[in-house]
Amino acid sequence: MADEDLGKERTLEVAGTASNEIEADLLRQRLAAAGIQAVSQRSIGGPQWGVSGGQYVYVEAADLDRAREILSAPEDISDEDLTELSEGGPPRG
């Protein structure tokens, strides 16, 4: 994060949902591979739910459209295709 970004308020938007914490972690990893930072939070419940329970995956508003494209892409997409998609180019093949 650049110094000029430190004073700015960040707006987070829901890029996707996951059935549990483990699935949310996988979604965050897919986004991270494309250079998008993401966080997740339980959609319901409290600590008693543990790793179960639905989760929202949030990204910065500026990355929302690209994040949703990445999360909606087939999971068997290659790292090269994922990188190209994250850079705004059309998928190969």
PDB file of N, CA and C in Angstrom:
ATOM      1  N   MET A   1       0.851  -1.156   0.000  1.00  0.00           N
ATOM      2  CA  MET A   1       0.000   0.000   0.000  1.00  0.00           C
ATOM      3  C   MET A   1       0.905   1.229   0.000  1.00  0.00           C
ATOM      4  N   ALA A   2       0.658   2.161  -0.879  1.00  0.00           N
ATOM      5  CA  ALA A   2       1.444   3.378  -0.985  1.00  0.00           C
ATOM      6  C   ALA A   2       1.121   4.311   0.174  1.00  0.00           C
ATOM      7  N   ASP A   3       2.079   5.215   0.480  1.00  0.00           N
ATOM      8  CA  ASP A   3       1.882   6.146   1.584  1.00  0.00           C
ATOM      9  C   ASP A   3       0.633   6.997   1.410  1.00  0.00           C
ATOM     10  N   GLU A   4       0.346   7.427   0.175  1.00  0.00           N
ATOM     11  CA  GLU A   4      -0.824   8.261  -0.040  1.00  0.00           C
ATOM     12  C   GLU A   4      -2.129   7.514   0.225  1.00  0.00           C
ATOM     13  N   ASP A   5      -2.102   6.191   0.235  1.00  0.00           N
ATOM     14  CA  ASP A   5      -3.289   5.389   0.499  1.00  0.00           C
ATOM     15  C   ASP A   5      -3.576   5.246   1.999  1.00  0.00           C
ATOM     16  N   LEU A   6      -2.611   5.578   2.855  1.00  0.00           N
ATOM     17  CA  LEU A   6      -2.775   5.353   4.289  1.00  0.00           C
ATOM     18  C   LEU A   6      -3.913   6.173   4.878  1.00  0.00           C
ATOM     19  N   GLY A   7      -4.138   7.375   4.384  1.00  0.00           N
ATOM     20  CA  GLY A   7      -5.178   8.219   4.930  1.00  0.00           C
ATOM     21  C   GLY A   7      -6.536   8.005   4.301  1.00  0.00           C
ATOM     22  N   LYS A   8      -6.609   7.233   3.227  1.00  0.00           N
ATOM     23  CA  LYS A   8      -7.868   7.023   2.527  1.00  0.00           C
ATOM     24  C   LYS A   8      -8.678   5.908   3.178  1.00  0.00           C
ATOM     25  N   GLU A   9      -9.976   6.114   3.235  1.00  0.00           N
ATOM     26  CA  GLU A   9     -10.860   5.070   3.731  1.00  0.00           C
ATOM     27  C   GLU A   9     -11.081   4.062   2.615  1.00  0.00           C
ATOM     28  N   ARG A  10     -10.955   2.795   2.928  1.00  0.00           N
ATOM     29  CA  ARG A  10     -11.129   1.746   1.930  1.00  0.00           C
ATOM     30  C   ARG A  10     -12.561   1.235   1.986  1.00  0.00           C
ATOM     31  N   THR A  11     -13.123   1.021   0.808  1.00  0.00           N
ATOM     32  CA  THR A  11     -14.464   0.485   0.716  1.00  0.00           C
ATOM     33  C   THR A  11     -14.360  -0.969   0.285  1.00  0.00           C
ATOM     34  N   LEU A  12     -14.893  -1.860   1.106  1.00  0.00           N
ATOM     35  CA  LEU A  12     -14.878  -3.289   0.784  1.00  0.00           C
ATOM     36  C   LEU A  12     -16.249  -3.706   0.287  1.00  0.00           C
ATOM     37  N   GLU A  13     -16.238  -4.590  -0.699  1.00  0.00           N
ATOM     38  CA  GLU A  13     -17.464  -5.115  -1.292  1.00  0.00           C
ATOM     39  C   GLU A  13     -17.389  -6.635  -1.304  1.00  0.00           C
ATOM     40  N   VAL A  14     -18.538  -7.287  -1.262  1.00  0.00           N
ATOM     41  CA  VAL A  14     -18.591  -8.754  -1.301  1.00  0.00           C
ATOM     42  C   VAL A  14     -18.335  -9.217  -2.735  1.00  0.00           C
ATOM     43  N   ALA A  15     -17.255  -9.964  -2.912  1.00  0.00           N
ATOM     44  CA  ALA A  15     -16.913 -10.509  -4.226  1.00  0.00           C
ATOM     45  C   ALA A  15     -17.480 -11.914  -4.394  1.00  0.00           C
ATOM     46  N   GLY A  16     -17.698 -12.605  -3.289  1.00  0.00           N
ATOM     47  CA  GLY A  16     -18.215 -13.964  -3.361  1.00  0.00           C
ATOM     48  C   GLY A  16     -18.596 -14.479  -1.991  1.00  0.00           C
ATOM     49  N   THR A  17     -19.197 -15.639  -1.987  1.00  0.00           N
ATOM     50  CA  THR A  17     -19.566 -16.281  -0.735  1.00  0.00           C
ATOM     51  C   THR A  17     -19.001 -17.691  -0.711  1.00  0.00           C
ATOM     52  N   ALA A  18     -18.787 -18.188   0.477  1.00  0.00           N
ATOM     53  CA  ALA A  18     -18.248 -19.531   0.660  1.00  0.00           C
ATOM     54  C   ALA A  18     -19.102 -20.257   1.685  1.00  0.00           C
ATOM     55  N   SER A  19     -19.115 -21.567   1.599  1.00  0.00           N
ATOM     56  CA  SER A  19     -19.906 -22.383   2.512  1.00  0.00           C
ATOM     57  C   SER A  19     -19.296 -22.472   3.903  1.00  0.00           C
ATOM     58  N   ASN A  20     -17.954 -22.307   3.978  1.00  0.00           N
ATOM     59  CA  ASN A  20     -17.264 -22.418   5.255  1.00  0.00           C
ATOM     60  C   ASN A  20     -15.914 -21.706   5.171  1.00  0.00           C
ATOM     61  N   GLU A  21     -15.177 -21.695   6.266  1.00  0.00           N
ATOM     62  CA  GLU A  21     -13.898 -20.993   6.341  1.00  0.00           C
ATOM     63  C   GLU A  21     -12.866 -21.578   5.380  1.00  0.00           C
ATOM     64  N   ILE A  22     -12.873 -22.874   5.209  1.00  0.00           N
ATOM     65  CA  ILE A  22     -11.900 -23.522   4.325  1.00  0.00           C
ATOM     66  C   ILE A  22     -12.147 -23.105   2.869  1.00  0.00           C
ATOM     67  N   GLU A  23     -13.398 -23.105   2.449  1.00  0.00           N
ATOM     68  CA  GLU A  23     -13.720 -22.662   1.095  1.00  0.00           C
ATOM     69  C   GLU A  23     -13.384 -21.180   0.919  1.00  0.00           C
ATOM     70  N   ALA A  24     -13.633 -20.365   1.928  1.00  0.00           N
ATOM     71  CA  ALA A  24     -13.296 -18.944   1.866  1.00  0.00           C
ATOM     72  C   ALA A  24     -11.792 -18.760   1.697  1.00  0.00           C
ATOM     73  N   ASP A  25     -11.004 -19.585   2.377  1.00  0.00           N
ATOM     74  CA  ASP A  25      -9.553 -19.517   2.250  1.00  0.00           C
ATOM     75  C   ASP A  25      -9.125 -19.841   0.821  1.00  0.00           C
ATOM     76  N   LEU A  26      -9.760 -20.822   0.209  1.00  0.00           N
ATOM     77  CA  LEU A  26      -9.442 -21.163  -1.183  1.00  0.00           C
ATOM     78  C   LEU A  26      -9.774 -20.005  -2.126  1.00  0.00           C
ATOM     79  N   LEU A  27     -10.899 -19.334  -1.888  1.00  0.00           N
ATOM     80  CA  LEU A  27     -11.264 -18.189  -2.717  1.00  0.00           C
ATOM     81  C   LEU A  27     -10.252 -17.059  -2.541  1.00  0.00           C
ATOM     82  N   ARG A  28      -9.833 -16.820  -1.302  1.00  0.00           N
ATOM     83  CA  ARG A  28      -8.826 -15.775  -1.048  1.00  0.00           C
ATOM     84  C   ARG A  28      -7.512 -16.111  -1.741  1.00  0.00           C
ATOM     85  N   GLN A  29      -7.153 -17.398  -1.751  1.00  0.00           N
ATOM     86  CA  GLN A  29      -5.923 -17.817  -2.423  1.00  0.00           C
ATOM     87  C   GLN A  29      -6.008 -17.596  -3.931  1.00  0.00           C
ATOM     88  N   ARG A  30      -7.159 -17.887  -4.529  1.00  0.00           N
ATOM     89  CA  ARG A  30      -7.336 -17.649  -5.970  1.00  0.00           C
ATOM     90  C   ARG A  30      -7.191 -16.172  -6.285  1.00  0.00           C
ATOM     91  N   LEU A  31      -7.770 -15.335  -5.440  1.00  0.00           N
ATOM     92  CA  LEU A  31      -7.664 -13.893  -5.658  1.00  0.00           C
ATOM     93  C   LEU A  31      -6.233 -13.409  -5.443  1.00  0.00           C
ATOM     94  N   ALA A  32      -5.572 -13.926  -4.425  1.00  0.00           N
ATOM     95  CA  ALA A  32      -4.188 -13.530  -4.154  1.00  0.00           C
ATOM     96  C   ALA A  32      -3.282 -13.895  -5.326  1.00  0.00           C
ATOM     97  N   ALA A  33      -3.533 -15.041  -5.950  1.00  0.00           N
ATOM     98  CA  ALA A  33      -2.740 -15.458  -7.114  1.00  0.00           C
ATOM     99  C   ALA A  33      -2.893 -14.471  -8.266  1.00  0.00           C
ATOM    100  N   ALA A  34      -3.993 -13.741  -8.281  1.00  0.00           N
ATOM    101  CA  ALA A  34      -4.240 -12.736  -9.317  1.00  0.00           C
ATOM    102  C   ALA A  34      -3.864 -11.337  -8.846  1.00  0.00           C
ATOM    103  N   GLY A  35      -3.273 -11.235  -7.656  1.00  0.00           N
ATOM    104  CA  GLY A  35      -2.830  -9.948  -7.152  1.00  0.00           C
ATOM    105  C   GLY A  35      -3.909  -9.128  -6.467  1.00  0.00           C
ATOM    106  N   ILE A  36      -4.989  -9.777  -6.038  1.00  0.00           N
ATOM    107  CA  ILE A  36      -6.087  -9.075  -5.367  1.00  0.00           C
ATOM    108  C   ILE A  36      -6.115  -9.505  -3.905  1.00  0.00           C
ATOM    109  N   GLN A  37      -6.037  -8.529  -3.018  1.00  0.00           N
ATOM    110  CA  GLN A  37      -6.133  -8.824  -1.589  1.00  0.00           C
ATOM    111  C   GLN A  37      -7.595  -9.016  -1.221  1.00  0.00           C
ATOM    112  N   ALA A  38      -7.855  -9.995  -0.372  1.00  0.00           N
ATOM    113  CA  ALA A  38      -9.218 -10.284   0.054  1.00  0.00           C
ATOM    114  C   ALA A  38      -9.221 -10.687   1.521  1.00  0.00           C
ATOM    115  N   VAL A  39     -10.344 -10.463   2.152  1.00  0.00           N
ATOM    116  CA  VAL A  39     -10.572 -10.895   3.524  1.00  0.00           C
ATOM    117  C   VAL A  39     -11.928 -11.575   3.571  1.00  0.00           C
ATOM    118  N   SER A  40     -12.132 -12.392   4.591  1.00  0.00           N
ATOM    119  CA  SER A  40     -13.439 -13.043   4.720  1.00  0.00           C
ATOM    120  C   SER A  40     -13.958 -12.851   6.133  1.00  0.00           C
ATOM    121  N   GLN A  41     -15.267 -12.989   6.246  1.00  0.00           N
ATOM    122  CA  GLN A  41     -15.930 -12.843   7.535  1.00  0.00           C
ATOM    123  C   GLN A  41     -17.172 -13.716   7.530  1.00  0.00           C
ATOM    124  N   ARG A  42     -17.485 -14.295   8.683  1.00  0.00           N
ATOM    125  CA  ARG A  42     -18.692 -15.107   8.793  1.00  0.00           C
ATOM    126  C   ARG A  42     -19.906 -14.299   8.408  1.00  0.00           C
ATOM    127  N   SER A  43     -20.805 -14.940   7.699  1.00  0.00           N
ATOM    128  CA  SER A  43     -22.046 -14.258   7.329  1.00  0.00           C
ATOM    129  C   SER A  43     -23.100 -14.409   8.421  1.00  0.00           C
ATOM    130  N   ILE A  44     -22.944 -15.455   9.248  1.00  0.00           N
ATOM    131  CA  ILE A  44     -23.872 -15.688  10.360  1.00  0.00           C
ATOM    132  C   ILE A  44     -23.106 -16.266  11.537  1.00  0.00           C
ATOM    133  N   GLY A  45     -23.730 -16.260  12.676  1.00  0.00           N
ATOM    134  CA  GLY A  45     -23.184 -16.968  13.822  1.00  0.00           C
ATOM    135  C   GLY A  45     -22.044 -16.245  14.505  1.00  0.00           C
ATOM    136  N   GLY A  46     -21.457 -16.914  15.443  1.00  0.00           N
ATOM    137  CA  GLY A  46     -20.363 -16.373  16.227  1.00  0.00           C
ATOM    138  C   GLY A  46     -19.272 -17.417  16.375  1.00  0.00           C
ATOM    139  N   PRO A  47     -18.416 -17.268  17.354  1.00  0.00           N
ATOM    140  CA  PRO A  47     -17.291 -18.186  17.538  1.00  0.00           C
ATOM    141  C   PRO A  47     -17.703 -19.647  17.692  1.00  0.00           C
ATOM    142  N   GLN A  48     -18.901 -19.883  18.182  1.00  0.00           N
ATOM    143  CA  GLN A  48     -19.343 -21.264  18.388  1.00  0.00           C
ATOM    144  C   GLN A  48     -19.483 -22.035  17.072  1.00  0.00           C
ATOM    145  N   TRP A  49     -19.522 -21.320  15.944  1.00  0.00           N
ATOM    146  CA  TRP A  49     -19.670 -21.991  14.654  1.00  0.00           C
ATOM    147  C   TRP A  49     -18.345 -22.570  14.162  1.00  0.00           C
ATOM    148  N   GLY A  50     -17.205 -22.170  14.735  1.00  0.00           N
ATOM    149  CA  GLY A  50     -15.904 -22.686  14.315  1.00  0.00           C
ATOM    150  C   GLY A  50     -15.665 -22.407  12.841  1.00  0.00           C
ATOM    151  N   VAL A  51     -15.177 -23.420  12.106  1.00  0.00           N
ATOM    152  CA  VAL A  51     -14.886 -23.229  10.682  1.00  0.00           C
ATOM    153  C   VAL A  51     -16.122 -23.440   9.820  1.00  0.00           C
ATOM    154  N   SER A  52     -17.226 -23.851  10.438  1.00  0.00           N
ATOM    155  CA  SER A  52     -18.444 -24.048   9.656  1.00  0.00           C
ATOM    156  C   SER A  52     -19.204 -22.746   9.540  1.00  0.00           C
ATOM    157  N   GLY A  53     -20.184 -22.737   8.707  1.00  0.00           N
ATOM    158  CA  GLY A  53     -21.001 -21.543   8.517  1.00  0.00           C
ATOM    159  C   GLY A  53     -20.530 -20.725   7.333  1.00  0.00           C
ATOM    160  N   GLY A  54     -21.463 -20.064   6.696  1.00  0.00           N
ATOM    161  CA  GLY A  54     -21.174 -19.275   5.506  1.00  0.00           C
ATOM    162  C   GLY A  54     -20.216 -18.127   5.778  1.00  0.00           C
ATOM    163  N   GLN A  55     -19.485 -17.753   4.750  1.00  0.00           N
ATOM    164  CA  GLN A  55     -18.514 -16.669   4.830  1.00  0.00           C
ATOM    165  C   GLN A  55     -18.677 -15.758   3.620  1.00  0.00           C
ATOM    166  N   TYR A  56     -18.512 -14.471   3.832  1.00  0.00           N
ATOM    167  CA  TYR A  56     -18.432 -13.507   2.745  1.00  0.00           C
ATOM    168  C   TYR A  56     -16.957 -13.246   2.464  1.00  0.00           C
ATOM    169  N   VAL A  57     -16.599 -13.124   1.192  1.00  0.00           N
ATOM    170  CA  VAL A  57     -15.239 -12.777   0.795  1.00  0.00           C
ATOM    171  C   VAL A  57     -15.283 -11.353   0.251  1.00  0.00           C
ATOM    172  N   TYR A  58     -14.530 -10.465   0.888  1.00  0.00           N
ATOM    173  CA  TYR A  58     -14.536  -9.045   0.547  1.00  0.00           C
ATOM    174  C   TYR A  58     -13.258  -8.645  -0.179  1.00  0.00           C
ATOM    175  N   VAL A  59     -13.397  -7.729  -1.135  1.00  0.00           N
ATOM    176  CA  VAL A  59     -12.266  -7.107  -1.819  1.00  0.00           C
ATOM    177  C   VAL A  59     -12.511  -5.601  -1.867  1.00  0.00           C
ATOM    178  N   GLU A  60     -11.484  -4.849  -2.187  1.00  0.00           N
ATOM    179  CA  GLU A  60     -11.663  -3.413  -2.353  1.00  0.00           C
ATOM    180  C   GLU A  60     -12.590  -3.166  -3.538  1.00  0.00           C
ATOM    181  N   ALA A  61     -13.399  -2.120  -3.438  1.00  0.00           N
ATOM    182  CA  ALA A  61     -14.390  -1.812  -4.471  1.00  0.00           C
ATOM    183  C   ALA A  61     -13.763  -1.698  -5.855  1.00  0.00           C
ATOM    184  N   ALA A  62     -12.551  -1.160  -5.935  1.00  0.00           N
ATOM    185  CA  ALA A  62     -11.880  -0.996  -7.224  1.00  0.00           C
ATOM    186  C   ALA A  62     -11.563  -2.342  -7.886  1.00  0.00           C
ATOM    187  N   ASP A  63     -11.443  -3.406  -7.098  1.00  0.00           N
ATOM    188  CA  ASP A  63     -11.104  -4.739  -7.619  1.00  0.00           C
ATOM    189  C   ASP A  63     -12.324  -5.636  -7.778  1.00  0.00           C
ATOM    190  N   LEU A  64     -13.512  -5.134  -7.481  1.00  0.00           N
ATOM    191  CA  LEU A  64     -14.697  -5.981  -7.401  1.00  0.00           C
ATOM    192  C   LEU A  64     -15.004  -6.714  -8.702  1.00  0.00           C
ATOM    193  N   ASP A  65     -15.094  -6.011  -9.819  1.00  0.00           N
ATOM    194  CA  ASP A  65     -15.454  -6.666 -11.084  1.00  0.00           C
ATOM    195  C   ASP A  65     -14.436  -7.728 -11.475  1.00  0.00           C
ATOM    196  N   ARG A  66     -13.163  -7.395 -11.363  1.00  0.00           N
ATOM    197  CA  ARG A  66     -12.110  -8.350 -11.722  1.00  0.00           C
ATOM    198  C   ARG A  66     -12.140  -9.553 -10.786  1.00  0.00           C
ATOM    199  N   ALA A  67     -12.376  -9.328  -9.499  1.00  0.00           N
ATOM    200  CA  ALA A  67     -12.435 -10.423  -8.530  1.00  0.00           C
ATOM    201  C   ALA A  67     -13.596 -11.366  -8.846  1.00  0.00           C
ATOM    202  N   ARG A  68     -14.746 -10.801  -9.172  1.00  0.00           N
ATOM    203  CA  ARG A  68     -15.896 -11.652  -9.500  1.00  0.00           C
ATOM    204  C   ARG A  68     -15.647 -12.469 -10.758  1.00  0.00           C
ATOM    205  N   GLU A  69     -14.954 -11.881 -11.744  1.00  0.00           N
ATOM    206  CA  GLU A  69     -14.602 -12.642 -12.956  1.00  0.00           C
ATOM    207  C   GLU A  69     -13.698 -13.812 -12.606  1.00  0.00           C
ATOM    208  N   ILE A  70     -12.711 -13.550 -11.766  1.00  0.00           N
ATOM    209  CA  ILE A  70     -11.764 -14.595 -11.380  1.00  0.00           C
ATOM    210  C   ILE A  70     -12.472 -15.705 -10.607  1.00  0.00           C
ATOM    211  N   LEU A  71     -13.340 -15.330  -9.680  1.00  0.00           N
ATOM    212  CA  LEU A  71     -14.035 -16.343  -8.879  1.00  0.00           C
ATOM    213  C   LEU A  71     -15.065 -17.116  -9.691  1.00  0.00           C
ATOM    214  N   SER A  72     -15.564 -16.534 -10.770  1.00  0.00           N
ATOM    215  CA  SER A  72     -16.540 -17.245 -11.592  1.00  0.00           C
ATOM    216  C   SER A  72     -15.875 -18.091 -12.674  1.00  0.00           C
ATOM    217  N   ALA A  73     -14.555 -17.933 -12.859  1.00  0.00           N
ATOM    218  CA  ALA A  73     -13.823 -18.723 -13.855  1.00  0.00           C
ATOM    219  C   ALA A  73     -13.726 -20.166 -13.374  1.00  0.00           C
ATOM    220  N   PRO A  74     -13.661 -21.107 -14.317  1.00  0.00           N
ATOM    221  CA  PRO A  74     -13.506 -22.520 -13.922  1.00  0.00           C
ATOM    222  C   PRO A  74     -12.251 -22.709 -13.091  1.00  0.00           C
ATOM    223  N   GLU A  75     -12.321 -23.592 -12.113  1.00  0.00           N
ATOM    224  CA  GLU A  75     -11.185 -23.814 -11.225  1.00  0.00           C
ATOM    225  C   GLU A  75      -9.991 -24.442 -11.911  1.00  0.00           C
ATOM    226  N   ASP A  76     -10.201 -25.062 -13.059  1.00  0.00           N
ATOM    227  CA  ASP A  76      -9.090 -25.704 -13.753  1.00  0.00           C
ATOM    228  C   ASP A  76      -8.332 -24.731 -14.652  1.00  0.00           C
ATOM    229  N   ILE A  77      -8.569 -23.450 -14.494  1.00  0.00           N
ATOM    230  CA  ILE A  77      -7.876 -22.441 -15.279  1.00  0.00           C
ATOM    231  C   ILE A  77      -6.407 -22.416 -14.861  1.00  0.00           C
ATOM    232  N   SER A  78      -5.512 -22.231 -15.829  1.00  0.00           N
ATOM    233  CA  SER A  78      -4.079 -22.241 -15.534  1.00  0.00           C
ATOM    234  C   SER A  78      -3.663 -20.943 -14.846  1.00  0.00           C
ATOM    235  N   ASP A  79      -2.509 -20.976 -14.198  1.00  0.00           N
ATOM    236  CA  ASP A  79      -1.983 -19.785 -13.553  1.00  0.00           C
ATOM    237  C   ASP A  79      -1.738 -18.675 -14.570  1.00  0.00           C
ATOM    238  N   GLU A  80      -1.278 -19.065 -15.768  1.00  0.00           N
ATOM    239  CA  GLU A  80      -1.030 -18.074 -16.819  1.00  0.00           C
ATOM    240  C   GLU A  80      -2.340 -17.404 -17.248  1.00  0.00           C
ATOM    241  N   ASP A  81      -3.388 -18.205 -17.414  1.00  0.00           N
ATOM    242  CA  ASP A  81      -4.689 -17.644 -17.787  1.00  0.00           C
ATOM    243  C   ASP A  81      -5.240 -16.757 -16.681  1.00  0.00           C
ATOM    244  N   LEU A  82      -5.039 -17.176 -15.436  1.00  0.00           N
ATOM    245  CA  LEU A  82      -5.518 -16.393 -14.301  1.00  0.00           C
ATOM    246  C   LEU A  82      -4.800 -15.046 -14.250  1.00  0.00           C
ATOM    247  N   THR A  83      -3.488 -15.059 -14.491  1.00  0.00           N
ATOM    248  CA  THR A  83      -2.718 -13.813 -14.500  1.00  0.00           C
ATOM    249  C   THR A  83      -3.186 -12.916 -15.630  1.00  0.00           C
ATOM    250  N   GLU A  84      -3.384 -13.501 -16.803  1.00  0.00           N
ATOM    251  CA  GLU A  84      -3.843 -12.715 -17.948  1.00  0.00           C
ATOM    252  C   GLU A  84      -5.226 -12.129 -17.686  1.00  0.00           C
ATOM    253  N   LEU A  85      -6.099 -12.914 -17.082  1.00  0.00           N
ATOM    254  CA  LEU A  85      -7.432 -12.440 -16.750  1.00  0.00           C
ATOM    255  C   LEU A  85      -7.362 -11.298 -15.733  1.00  0.00           C
ATOM    256  N   SER A  86      -6.473 -11.424 -14.764  1.00  0.00           N
ATOM    257  CA  SER A  86      -6.351 -10.384 -13.746  1.00  0.00           C
ATOM    258  C   SER A  86      -5.788  -9.097 -14.317  1.00  0.00           C
ATOM    259  N   GLU A  87      -5.075  -9.190 -15.429  1.00  0.00           N
ATOM    260  CA  GLU A  87      -4.513  -7.999 -16.069  1.00  0.00           C
ATOM    261  C   GLU A  87      -5.486  -7.399 -17.082  1.00  0.00           C
ATOM    262  N   GLY A  88      -6.663  -7.986 -17.202  1.00  0.00           N
ATOM    263  CA  GLY A  88      -7.691  -7.423 -18.062  1.00  0.00           C
ATOM    264  C   GLY A  88      -7.709  -7.964 -19.479  1.00  0.00           C
ATOM    265  N   GLY A  89      -6.849  -8.908 -19.793  1.00  0.00           N
ATOM    266  CA  GLY A  89      -6.834  -9.463 -21.145  1.00  0.00           C
ATOM    267  C   GLY A  89      -7.839 -10.596 -21.279  1.00  0.00           C
ATOM    268  N   PRO A  90      -8.192 -10.945 -22.522  1.00  0.00           N
ATOM    269  CA  PRO A  90      -9.110 -12.060 -22.724  1.00  0.00           C
ATOM    270  C   PRO A  90      -8.435 -13.385 -22.407  1.00  0.00           C
ATOM    271  N   PRO A  91      -9.187 -14.353 -21.919  1.00  0.00           N
ATOM    272  CA  PRO A  91      -8.597 -15.669 -21.627  1.00  0.00           C
ATOM    273  C   PRO A  91      -8.119 -16.314 -22.921  1.00  0.00           C
ATOM    274  N   ARG A  92      -7.011 -17.059 -22.798  1.00  0.00           N
ATOM    275  CA  ARG A  92      -6.468 -17.769 -23.958  1.00  0.00           C
ATOM    276  C   ARG A  92      -7.222 -19.079 -24.159  1.00  0.00           C
ATOM    277  N   GLY A  93      -7.127 -19.550 -25.382  1.00  0.00           N
ATOM    278  CA  GLY A  93      -7.608 -20.888 -25.657  1.00  0.00           C
ATOM    279  C   GLY A  93      -8.974 -20.951 -26.101  1.00  0.00           C
TER     280      GLY A  93
END
